[in-house]
C-alpha atoms as a PDB file:
ATOM      1  CA  MET A   1       0.000   0.000   0.000  1.00  0.00           C
ATOM      2  CA  ALA A   2       1.319   3.438  -0.924  1.00  0.00           C
ATOM      3  CA  LEU A   3       1.376   6.191   1.702  1.00  0.00           C
ATOM      4  CA  LYS A   4      -0.985   8.271  -0.438  1.00  0.00           C
ATOM      5  CA  ASP A   5      -3.591   5.503  -0.063  1.00  0.00           C
ATOM      6  CA  LEU A   6      -3.686   5.699   3.735  1.00  0.00           C
ATOM      7  CA  SER A   7      -6.872   6.962   5.331  1.00  0.00           C
ATOM      8  CA  PRO A   8      -6.627   9.677   7.991  1.00  0.00           C
ATOM      9  CA  ARG A   9      -7.415   7.011  10.620  1.00  0.00           C
ATOM     10  CA  GLN A  10      -4.529   4.846   9.420  1.00  0.00           C
ATOM     11  CA  MET A  11      -2.175   7.814   9.153  1.00  0.00           C
ATOM     12  CA  VAL A  12      -2.910   9.050  12.672  1.00  0.00           C
ATOM     13  CA  GLN A  13      -2.152   5.550  14.019  1.00  0.00           C
ATOM     14  CA  ILE A  14       1.197   5.523  12.229  1.00  0.00           C
ATOM     15  CA  THR A  15       2.195   9.046  13.229  1.00  0.00           C
ATOM     16  CA  ALA A  16       1.092   8.408  16.823  1.00  0.00           C
ATOM     17  CA  ALA A  17       3.496   5.453  16.953  1.00  0.00           C
ATOM     18  CA  TRP A  18       6.308   7.537  15.422  1.00  0.00           C
ATOM     19  CA  LEU A  19       5.800  10.305  17.997  1.00  0.00           C
ATOM     20  CA  ASP A  20       5.335   8.084  21.058  1.00  0.00           C
ATOM     21  CA  PRO A  21       8.483   8.122  23.261  1.00  0.00           C
ATOM     22  CA  GLU A  22       7.633   4.576  24.341  1.00  0.00           C
ATOM     23  CA  ARG A  23       7.492   3.314  20.768  1.00  0.00           C
ATOM     24  CA  GLU A  24       9.228   4.642  17.633  1.00  0.00           C
ATOM     25  CA  ARG A  25      10.235   8.218  18.513  1.00  0.00           C
ATOM     26  CA  PRO A  26      13.610   7.305  20.072  1.00  0.00           C
ATOM     27  CA  ARG A  27      14.524   5.351  16.965  1.00  0.00           C
ATOM     28  CA  LEU A  28      13.548   8.262  14.642  1.00  0.00           C
ATOM     29  CA  VAL A  29      15.416  10.812  16.789  1.00  0.00           C
ATOM     30  CA  SER A  30      18.545   8.621  16.673  1.00  0.00           C
ATOM     31  CA  LEU A  31      18.582   8.658  12.876  1.00  0.00           C
ATOM     32  CA  LYS A  32      20.420  11.704  11.547  1.00  0.00           C
ATOM     33  CA  ARG A  33      18.109  12.118   8.506  1.00  0.00           C
ATOM     34  CA  CYS A  34      14.848  11.548  10.434  1.00  0.00           C
ATOM     35  CA  ALA A  35      15.423  13.675  13.541  1.00  0.00           C
ATOM     36  CA  PRO A  36      14.785  17.006  11.730  1.00  0.00           C
ATOM     37  CA  LEU A  37      11.434  15.637  10.477  1.00  0.00           C
ATOM     38  CA  ILE A  38       9.956  15.123  13.966  1.00  0.00           C
ATOM     39  CA  ASP A  39       8.486  18.664  14.053  1.00  0.00           C
ATOM     40  CA  ASP A  40       6.906  18.149  10.625  1.00  0.00           C
ATOM     41  CA  ILE A  41       5.472  14.779  11.682  1.00  0.00           C
ATOM     42  CA  GLU A  42       4.011  16.372  14.841  1.00  0.00           C
ATOM     43  CA  ALA A  43       2.469  19.171  12.753  1.00  0.00           C
ATOM     44  CA  ALA A  44       0.966  16.658  10.314  1.00  0.00           C
ATOM     45  CA  HIS A  45      -0.335  14.515  13.181  1.00  0.00           C
ATOM     46  CA  ASP A  46      -1.915  17.548  14.895  1.00  0.00           C
ATOM     47  CA  GLY A  47      -3.385  18.683  11.574  1.00  0.00           C
ATOM     48  CA  ILE A  48      -5.079  15.327  11.064  1.00  0.00           C
ATOM     49  CA  LEU A  49      -6.542  15.450  14.578  1.00  0.00           C
ATOM     50  CA  LYS A  50      -7.769  19.056  14.201  1.00  0.00           C
ATOM     51  CA  SER A  51      -9.272  18.302  10.805  1.00  0.00           C
ATOM     52  CA  HIS A  52     -11.116  15.312  12.234  1.00  0.00           C
ATOM     53  CA  ARG A  53     -12.534  17.411  15.104  1.00  0.00           C
ATOM     54  CA  ARG A  54     -13.809  20.062  12.640  1.00  0.00           C
ATOM     55  CA  GLN A  55     -15.287  17.373  10.420  1.00  0.00           C
ATOM     56  CA  LYS A  56     -16.998  15.708  13.395  1.00  0.00           C
ATOM     57  CA  LYS A  57     -18.485  19.041  14.483  1.00  0.00           C
ATOM     58  CA  ALA A  58     -19.777  19.674  10.960  1.00  0.00           C
ATOM     59  CA  ASN A  59     -21.208  16.146  10.802  1.00  0.00           C
ATOM     60  CA  ASP A  60     -22.912  16.618  14.180  1.00  0.00           C
ATOM     61  CA  GLU A  61     -24.428  19.922  13.002  1.00  0.00           C
ATOM     62  CA  LEU A  62     -25.608  18.286   9.781  1.00  0.00           C
ATOM     63  CA  THR A  63     -27.195  15.433  11.720  1.00  0.00           C
ATOM     64  CA  GLY A  64     -29.094  17.934  13.860  1.00  0.00           C
ATOM     65  CA  ILE A  65     -30.368  19.789  10.814  1.00  0.00           C
ATOM     66  CA  GLN A  66     -31.410  16.558   9.128  1.00  0.00           C
ATOM     67  CA  GLN A  67     -33.270  15.408  12.245  1.00  0.00           C
ATOM     68  CA  LYS A  68     -35.149  18.721  12.383  1.00  0.00           C
ATOM     69  CA  GLN A  69     -35.892  18.423   8.663  1.00  0.00           C
ATOM     70  CA  GLY A  70     -37.227  14.890   9.196  1.00  0.00           C
ATOM     71  CA  VAL A  71     -39.581  16.059  11.965  1.00  0.00           C
ATOM     72  CA  PHE A  72     -40.999  18.822   9.751  1.00  0.00           C
ATOM     73  CA  ASP A  73     -41.332  16.386   6.871  1.00  0.00           C
ATOM     74  CA  GLN A  74     -43.185  13.772   8.935  1.00  0.00           C
ATOM     75  CA  ILE A  75     -45.699  16.364  10.121  1.00  0.00           C
ATOM     76  CA  HIS A  76     -46.027  17.779   6.600  1.00  0.00           C
ATOM     77  CA  ASP A  77     -46.626  14.332   5.105  1.00  0.00           C
ATOM     78  CA  ARG A  78     -49.132  13.376   7.801  1.00  0.00           C
ATOM     79  CA  LYS A  79     -51.080  16.613   7.334  1.00  0.00           C
ATOM     80  CA  ALA A  80     -51.039  16.231   3.551  1.00  0.00           C
ATOM     81  CA  ARG A  81     -52.326  12.648   3.792  1.00  0.00           C
ATOM     82  CA  GLY A  82     -55.023  13.806   6.217  1.00  0.00           C
ATOM     83  CA  ALA A  83     -56.203  16.676   4.018  1.00  0.00           C
ATOM     84  CA  HIS A  84     -56.267  14.364   0.988  1.00  0.00           C
ATOM     85  CA  ALA A  85     -58.224  11.725   2.927  1.00  0.00           C
ATOM     86  CA  VAL A  86     -60.712  14.248   4.360  1.00  0.00           C
ATOM     87  CA  LEU A  87     -61.543  15.671   0.944  1.00  0.00           C
ATOM     88  CA  THR A  88     -61.894  12.175  -0.512  1.00  0.00           C
ATOM     89  CA  GLY A  89     -64.070  11.246   2.475  1.00  0.00           C
ATOM     90  CA  PHE A  90     -66.318  14.284   2.029  1.00  0.00           C
ATOM     91  CA  ALA A  91     -66.742  13.325  -1.625  1.00  0.00           C
ATOM     92  CA  ASP A  92     -67.646   9.777  -0.595  1.00  0.00           C
ATOM     93  CA  LEU A  93     -70.154  11.067   1.954  1.00  0.00           C
ATOM     94  CA  ALA A  94     -71.796  13.588  -0.390  1.00  0.00           C
ATOM     95  CA  ASP A  95     -75.254  12.532  -1.585  1.00  0.00           C
ATOM     96  CA  ASP A  96     -75.215  15.052  -4.439  1.00  0.00           C
ATOM     97  CA  PRO A  97     -72.790  14.136  -7.259  1.00  0.00           C
ATOM     98  CA  GLU A  98     -72.097  17.831  -7.846  1.00  0.00           C
ATOM     99  CA  ASP A  99     -71.016  18.248  -4.217  1.00  0.00           C
ATOM    100  CA  ALA A 100     -68.827  15.155  -4.525  1.00  0.00           C
ATOM    101  CA  ALA A 101     -67.241  16.637  -7.657  1.00  0.00           C
ATOM    102  CA  ILE A 102     -66.533  19.891  -5.790  1.00  0.00           C
ATOM    103  CA  TYR A 103     -64.717  18.034  -2.997  1.00  0.00           C
ATOM    104  CA  LEU A 104     -62.701  15.992  -5.484  1.00  0.00           C
ATOM    105  CA  ASP A 105     -61.854  19.146  -7.450  1.00  0.00           C
ATOM    106  CA  LEU A 106     -60.629  20.819  -4.248  1.00  0.00           C
ATOM    107  CA  ARG A 107     -58.554  17.740  -3.444  1.00  0.00           C
ATOM    108  CA  ASP A 108     -57.083  17.687  -6.943  1.00  0.00           C
ATOM    109  CA  GLN A 109     -56.240  21.390  -6.797  1.00  0.00           C
ATOM    110  CA  LEU A 110     -54.286  20.762  -3.631  1.00  0.00           C
ATOM    111  CA  PHE A 111     -52.828  17.434  -4.740  1.00  0.00           C
ATOM    112  CA  ALA A 112     -52.564  17.403  -8.544  1.00  0.00           C
ATOM    113  CA  ASP A 113     -50.615  14.111  -8.537  1.00  0.00           C
ATOM    114  CA  GLY A 114     -52.329  12.595  -5.549  1.00  0.00           C
ATOM    115  CA  LEU A 115     -49.915  11.852  -2.725  1.00  0.00           C
ATOM    116  CA  LYS A 116     -46.914  11.009  -4.921  1.00  0.00           C
ATOM    117  CA  PHE A 117     -45.134  14.190  -3.889  1.00  0.00           C
ATOM    118  CA  ILE A 118     -44.765  13.137  -0.235  1.00  0.00           C
ATOM    119  CA  SER A 119     -42.162  10.563  -1.221  1.00  0.00           C
ATOM    120  CA  ALA A 120     -40.299  13.046  -3.423  1.00  0.00           C
ATOM    121  CA  SER A 121     -37.211  14.980  -2.360  1.00  0.00           C
ATOM    122  CA  TYR A 122     -37.675  17.839   0.094  1.00  0.00           C
ATOM    123  CA  SER A 123     -37.062  20.394  -2.618  1.00  0.00           C
ATOM    124  CA  ASP A 124     -39.658  18.726  -4.894  1.00  0.00           C
ATOM    125  CA  GLU A 125     -42.160  18.685  -2.021  1.00  0.00           C
ATOM    126  CA  ALA A 126     -41.513  22.361  -1.401  1.00  0.00           C
ATOM    127  CA  GLY A 127     -42.019  23.110  -5.098  1.00  0.00           C
ATOM    128  CA  GLU A 128     -45.311  21.179  -5.067  1.00  0.00           C
ATOM    129  CA  VAL A 129     -46.456  23.222  -2.061  1.00  0.00           C
ATOM    130  CA  LYS A 130     -45.889  26.434  -4.050  1.00  0.00           C
ATOM    131  CA  LEU A 131     -47.699  25.034  -7.070  1.00  0.00           C
ATOM    132  CA  ALA A 132     -50.657  23.888  -4.951  1.00  0.00           C
ATOM    133  CA  ARG A 133     -50.954  27.307  -3.346  1.00  0.00           C
ATOM    134  CA  ASP A 134     -51.040  28.900  -6.805  1.00  0.00           C
ATOM    135  CA  ARG A 135     -53.667  26.424  -8.071  1.00  0.00           C
ATOM    136  CA  LEU A 136     -56.175  27.406  -5.388  1.00  0.00           C
ATOM    137  CA  THR A 137     -58.729  29.965  -6.528  1.00  0.00           C
ATOM    138  CA  PRO A 138     -60.439  32.382  -4.124  1.00  0.00           C
ATOM    139  CA  GLU A 139     -63.549  30.177  -4.381  1.00  0.00           C
ATOM    140  CA  SER A 140     -61.502  27.088  -3.513  1.00  0.00           C
ATOM    141  CA  LYS A 141     -60.012  28.849  -0.500  1.00  0.00           C
ATOM    142  CA  ALA A 142     -63.513  29.861   0.679  1.00  0.00           C
ATOM    143  CA  ALA A 143     -64.741  26.268   0.268  1.00  0.00           C
ATOM    144  CA  LEU A 144     -61.731  24.885   2.199  1.00  0.00           C
ATOM    145  CA  LYS A 145     -62.335  27.449   4.935  1.00  0.00           C
ATOM    146  CA  ALA A 146     -65.925  26.195   5.278  1.00  0.00           C
ATOM    147  CA  LEU A 147     -64.806  22.582   5.879  1.00  0.00           C
ATOM    148  CA  PRO A 148     -64.167  21.847   9.580  1.00  0.00           C
ATOM    149  CA  THR A 149     -61.162  20.020  11.008  1.00  0.00           C
ATOM    150  CA  PRO A 150     -60.223  19.349  14.645  1.00  0.00           C
ATOM    151  CA  GLY A 151     -57.821  22.322  14.578  1.00  0.00           C
ATOM    152  CA  GLY A 152     -60.049  24.755  12.685  1.00  0.00           C
ATOM    153  CA  ASN A 153     -60.732  24.257   8.990  1.00  0.00           C
ATOM    154  CA  LEU A 154     -59.133  22.732   5.912  1.00  0.00           C
ATOM    155  CA  LEU A 155     -57.776  26.068   4.699  1.00  0.00           C
ATOM    156  CA  LYS A 156     -55.957  26.477   8.008  1.00  0.00           C
ATOM    157  CA  ALA A 157     -54.769  22.849   7.841  1.00  0.00           C
ATOM    158  CA  GLY A 158     -53.581  23.449   4.256  1.00  0.00           C
ATOM    159  CA  ALA A 159     -51.666  26.520   5.424  1.00  0.00           C
ATOM    160  CA  GLY A 160     -49.998  24.269   8.019  1.00  0.00           C
ATOM    161  CA  VAL A 161     -48.979  21.864   5.254  1.00  0.00           C
ATOM    162  CA  VAL A 162     -47.499  24.794   3.323  1.00  0.00           C
ATOM    163  CA  ARG A 163     -45.715  26.148   6.407  1.00  0.00           C
ATOM    164  CA  ARG A 164     -44.211  22.758   7.283  1.00  0.00           C
ATOM    165  CA  GLY A 165     -43.190  22.203   3.675  1.00  0.00           C
ATOM    166  CA  ARG A 166     -41.415  25.550   3.763  1.00  0.00           C
ATOM    167  CA  ARG A 167     -39.667  24.639   7.061  1.00  0.00           C
ATOM    168  CA  ALA A 168     -38.520  21.307   5.662  1.00  0.00           C
ATOM    169  CA  ARG A 169     -37.161  23.107   2.597  1.00  0.00           C
ATOM    170  CA  GLN A 170     -35.361  25.689   4.772  1.00  0.00           C
ATOM    171  CA  ALA A 171     -33.839  22.951   6.900  1.00  0.00           C
ATOM    172  CA  GLY A 172     -32.811  21.228   3.665  1.00  0.00           C
ATOM    173  CA  ARG A 173     -31.100  24.396   2.479  1.00  0.00           C
ATOM    174  CA  ALA A 174     -29.116  24.523   5.703  1.00  0.00           C
ATOM    175  CA  ALA A 175     -28.103  20.895   5.234  1.00  0.00           C
ATOM    176  CA  HIS A 176     -27.318  21.326   1.529  1.00  0.00           C
ATOM    177  CA  PRO A 177     -26.178  24.893   0.836  1.00  0.00           C
ATOM    178  CA  PRO A 178     -26.006  26.078  -2.785  1.00  0.00           C
ATOM    179  CA  GLY A 179     -22.718  25.513  -4.549  1.00  0.00           C
ATOM    180  CA  GLY A 180     -22.286  21.927  -3.457  1.00  0.00           C
ATOM    181  CA  ALA A 181     -20.822  22.634  -0.021  1.00  0.00           C
ATOM    182  CA  GLY A 182     -23.217  20.126   1.562  1.00  0.00           C
ATOM    183  CA  PRO A 183     -23.107  16.366   1.252  1.00  0.00           C
ATOM    184  CA  ALA A 184     -23.798  14.755  -2.078  1.00  0.00           C
ATOM    185  CA  GLY A 185     -26.951  12.875  -2.959  1.00  0.00           C
ATOM    186  CA  SER A 186     -30.671  13.300  -2.657  1.00  0.00           C
ATOM    187  CA  ASP A 187     -31.809  15.686   0.033  1.00  0.00           C
ATOM    188  CA  ARG A 188     -34.390  13.151   1.274  1.00  0.00           C
ATOM    189  CA  ALA A 189     -31.913  10.269   1.183  1.00  0.00           C
ATOM    190  CA  ALA A 190     -29.594  12.236   3.407  1.00  0.00           C
ATOM    191  CA  ALA A 191     -32.155  12.571   6.167  1.00  0.00           C
END
Protein backbone atom coordinates (compact mmCIF):
# COMPACT_ATOMS: atom_id res chain seq x y z
CA MET A 1 0.00 0.00 0.00
CA ALA A 2 1.32 3.44 -0.92
CA LEU A 3 1.38 6.19 1.70
CA LYS A 4 -0.99 8.27 -0.44
CA ASP A 5 -3.59 5.50 -0.06
CA LEU A 6 -3.69 5.70 3.74
CA SER A 7 -6.87 6.96 5.33
CA PRO A 8 -6.63 9.68 7.99
CA ARG A 9 -7.41 7.01 10.62
CA GLN A 10 -4.53 4.85 9.42
CA MET A 11 -2.17 7.81 9.15
CA VAL A 12 -2.91 9.05 12.67
CA GLN A 13 -2.15 5.55 14.02
CA ILE A 14 1.20 5.52 12.23
CA THR A 15 2.20 9.05 13.23
CA ALA A 16 1.09 8.41 16.82
CA ALA A 17 3.50 5.45 16.95
CA TRP A 18 6.31 7.54 15.42
CA LEU A 19 5.80 10.30 18.00
CA ASP A 20 5.34 8.08 21.06
CA PRO A 21 8.48 8.12 23.26
CA GLU A 22 7.63 4.58 24.34
CA ARG A 23 7.49 3.31 20.77
CA GLU A 24 9.23 4.64 17.63
CA ARG A 25 10.23 8.22 18.51
CA PRO A 26 13.61 7.31 20.07
CA ARG A 27 14.52 5.35 16.97
CA LEU A 28 13.55 8.26 14.64
CA VAL A 29 15.42 10.81 16.79
CA SER A 30 18.54 8.62 16.67
CA LEU A 31 18.58 8.66 12.88
CA LYS A 32 20.42 11.70 11.55
CA ARG A 33 18.11 12.12 8.51
CA CYS A 34 14.85 11.55 10.43
CA ALA A 35 15.42 13.68 13.54
CA PRO A 36 14.79 17.01 11.73
CA LEU A 37 11.43 15.64 10.48
CA ILE A 38 9.96 15.12 13.97
CA ASP A 39 8.49 18.66 14.05
CA ASP A 40 6.91 18.15 10.63
CA ILE A 41 5.47 14.78 11.68
CA GLU A 42 4.01 16.37 14.84
CA ALA A 43 2.47 19.17 12.75
CA ALA A 44 0.97 16.66 10.31
CA HIS A 45 -0.33 14.52 13.18
CA ASP A 46 -1.91 17.55 14.90
CA GLY A 47 -3.39 18.68 11.57
CA ILE A 48 -5.08 15.33 11.06
CA LEU A 49 -6.54 15.45 14.58
CA LYS A 50 -7.77 19.06 14.20
CA SER A 51 -9.27 18.30 10.80
CA HIS A 52 -11.12 15.31 12.23
CA ARG A 53 -12.53 17.41 15.10
CA ARG A 54 -13.81 20.06 12.64
CA GLN A 55 -15.29 17.37 10.42
CA LYS A 56 -17.00 15.71 13.40
CA LYS A 57 -18.49 19.04 14.48
CA ALA A 58 -19.78 19.67 10.96
CA ASN A 59 -21.21 16.15 10.80
CA ASP A 60 -22.91 16.62 14.18
CA GLU A 61 -24.43 19.92 13.00
CA LEU A 62 -25.61 18.29 9.78
CA THR A 63 -27.20 15.43 11.72
CA GLY A 64 -29.09 17.93 13.86
CA ILE A 65 -30.37 19.79 10.81
CA GLN A 66 -31.41 16.56 9.13
CA GLN A 67 -33.27 15.41 12.24
CA LYS A 68 -35.15 18.72 12.38
CA GLN A 69 -35.89 18.42 8.66
CA GLY A 70 -37.23 14.89 9.20
CA VAL A 71 -39.58 16.06 11.97
CA PHE A 72 -41.00 18.82 9.75
CA ASP A 73 -41.33 16.39 6.87
CA GLN A 74 -43.18 13.77 8.94
CA ILE A 75 -45.70 16.36 10.12
CA HIS A 76 -46.03 17.78 6.60
CA ASP A 77 -46.63 14.33 5.10
CA ARG A 78 -49.13 13.38 7.80
CA LYS A 79 -51.08 16.61 7.33
CA ALA A 80 -51.04 16.23 3.55
CA ARG A 81 -52.33 12.65 3.79
CA GLY A 82 -55.02 13.81 6.22
CA ALA A 83 -56.20 16.68 4.02
CA HIS A 84 -56.27 14.36 0.99
CA ALA A 85 -58.22 11.73 2.93
CA VAL A 86 -60.71 14.25 4.36
CA LEU A 87 -61.54 15.67 0.94
CA THR A 88 -61.89 12.18 -0.51
CA GLY A 89 -64.07 11.25 2.47
CA PHE A 90 -66.32 14.28 2.03
CA ALA A 91 -66.74 13.33 -1.63
CA ASP A 92 -67.65 9.78 -0.60
CA LEU A 93 -70.15 11.07 1.95
CA ALA A 94 -71.80 13.59 -0.39
CA ASP A 95 -75.25 12.53 -1.59
CA ASP A 96 -75.22 15.05 -4.44
CA PRO A 97 -72.79 14.14 -7.26
CA GLU A 98 -72.10 17.83 -7.85
CA ASP A 99 -71.02 18.25 -4.22
CA ALA A 100 -68.83 15.15 -4.52
CA ALA A 101 -67.24 16.64 -7.66
CA ILE A 102 -66.53 19.89 -5.79
CA TYR A 103 -64.72 18.03 -3.00
CA LEU A 104 -62.70 15.99 -5.48
CA ASP A 105 -61.85 19.15 -7.45
CA LEU A 106 -60.63 20.82 -4.25
CA ARG A 107 -58.55 17.74 -3.44
CA ASP A 108 -57.08 17.69 -6.94
CA GLN A 109 -56.24 21.39 -6.80
CA LEU A 110 -54.29 20.76 -3.63
CA PHE A 111 -52.83 17.43 -4.74
CA ALA A 112 -52.56 17.40 -8.54
CA ASP A 113 -50.61 14.11 -8.54
CA GLY A 114 -52.33 12.59 -5.55
CA LEU A 115 -49.92 11.85 -2.73
CA LYS A 116 -46.91 11.01 -4.92
CA PHE A 117 -45.13 14.19 -3.89
CA ILE A 118 -44.76 13.14 -0.24
CA SER A 119 -42.16 10.56 -1.22
CA ALA A 120 -40.30 13.05 -3.42
CA SER A 121 -37.21 14.98 -2.36
CA TYR A 122 -37.68 17.84 0.09
CA SER A 123 -37.06 20.39 -2.62
CA ASP A 124 -39.66 18.73 -4.89
CA GLU A 125 -42.16 18.69 -2.02
CA ALA A 126 -41.51 22.36 -1.40
CA GLY A 127 -42.02 23.11 -5.10
CA GLU A 128 -45.31 21.18 -5.07
CA VAL A 129 -46.46 23.22 -2.06
CA LYS A 130 -45.89 26.43 -4.05
CA LEU A 131 -47.70 25.03 -7.07
CA ALA A 132 -50.66 23.89 -4.95
CA ARG A 133 -50.95 27.31 -3.35
CA ASP A 134 -51.04 28.90 -6.81
CA ARG A 135 -53.67 26.42 -8.07
CA LEU A 136 -56.17 27.41 -5.39
CA THR A 137 -58.73 29.97 -6.53
CA PRO A 138 -60.44 32.38 -4.12
CA GLU A 139 -63.55 30.18 -4.38
CA SER A 140 -61.50 27.09 -3.51
CA LYS A 141 -60.01 28.85 -0.50
CA ALA A 142 -63.51 29.86 0.68
CA ALA A 143 -64.74 26.27 0.27
CA LEU A 144 -61.73 24.88 2.20
CA LYS A 145 -62.34 27.45 4.93
CA ALA A 146 -65.93 26.20 5.28
CA LEU A 147 -64.81 22.58 5.88
CA PRO A 148 -64.17 21.85 9.58
CA THR A 149 -61.16 20.02 11.01
CA PRO A 150 -60.22 19.35 14.64
CA GLY A 151 -57.82 22.32 14.58
CA GLY A 152 -60.05 24.75 12.68
CA ASN A 153 -60.73 24.26 8.99
CA LEU A 154 -59.13 22.73 5.91
CA LEU A 155 -57.78 26.07 4.70
CA LYS A 156 -55.96 26.48 8.01
CA ALA A 157 -54.77 22.85 7.84
CA GLY A 158 -53.58 23.45 4.26
CA ALA A 159 -51.67 26.52 5.42
CA GLY A 160 -50.00 24.27 8.02
CA VAL A 161 -48.98 21.86 5.25
CA VAL A 162 -47.50 24.79 3.32
CA ARG A 163 -45.71 26.15 6.41
CA ARG A 164 -44.21 22.76 7.28
CA GLY A 165 -43.19 22.20 3.68
CA ARG A 166 -41.42 25.55 3.76
CA ARG A 167 -39.67 24.64 7.06
CA ALA A 168 -38.52 21.31 5.66
CA ARG A 169 -37.16 23.11 2.60
CA GLN A 170 -35.36 25.69 4.77
CA ALA A 171 -33.84 22.95 6.90
CA GLY A 172 -32.81 21.23 3.66
CA ARG A 173 -31.10 24.40 2.48
CA ALA A 174 -29.12 24.52 5.70
CA ALA A 175 -28.10 20.90 5.23
CA HIS A 176 -27.32 21.33 1.53
CA PRO A 177 -26.18 24.89 0.84
CA PRO A 178 -26.01 26.08 -2.79
CA GLY A 179 -22.72 25.51 -4.55
CA GLY A 180 -22.29 21.93 -3.46
CA ALA A 181 -20.82 22.63 -0.02
CA GLY A 182 -23.22 20.13 1.56
CA PRO A 183 -23.11 16.37 1.25
CA ALA A 184 -23.80 14.75 -2.08
CA GLY A 185 -26.95 12.87 -2.96
CA SER A 186 -30.67 13.30 -2.66
CA ASP A 187 -31.81 15.69 0.03
CA ARG A 188 -34.39 13.15 1.27
CA ALA A 189 -31.91 10.27 1.18
CA ALA A 190 -29.59 12.24 3.41
CA ALA A 191 -32.15 12.57 6.17
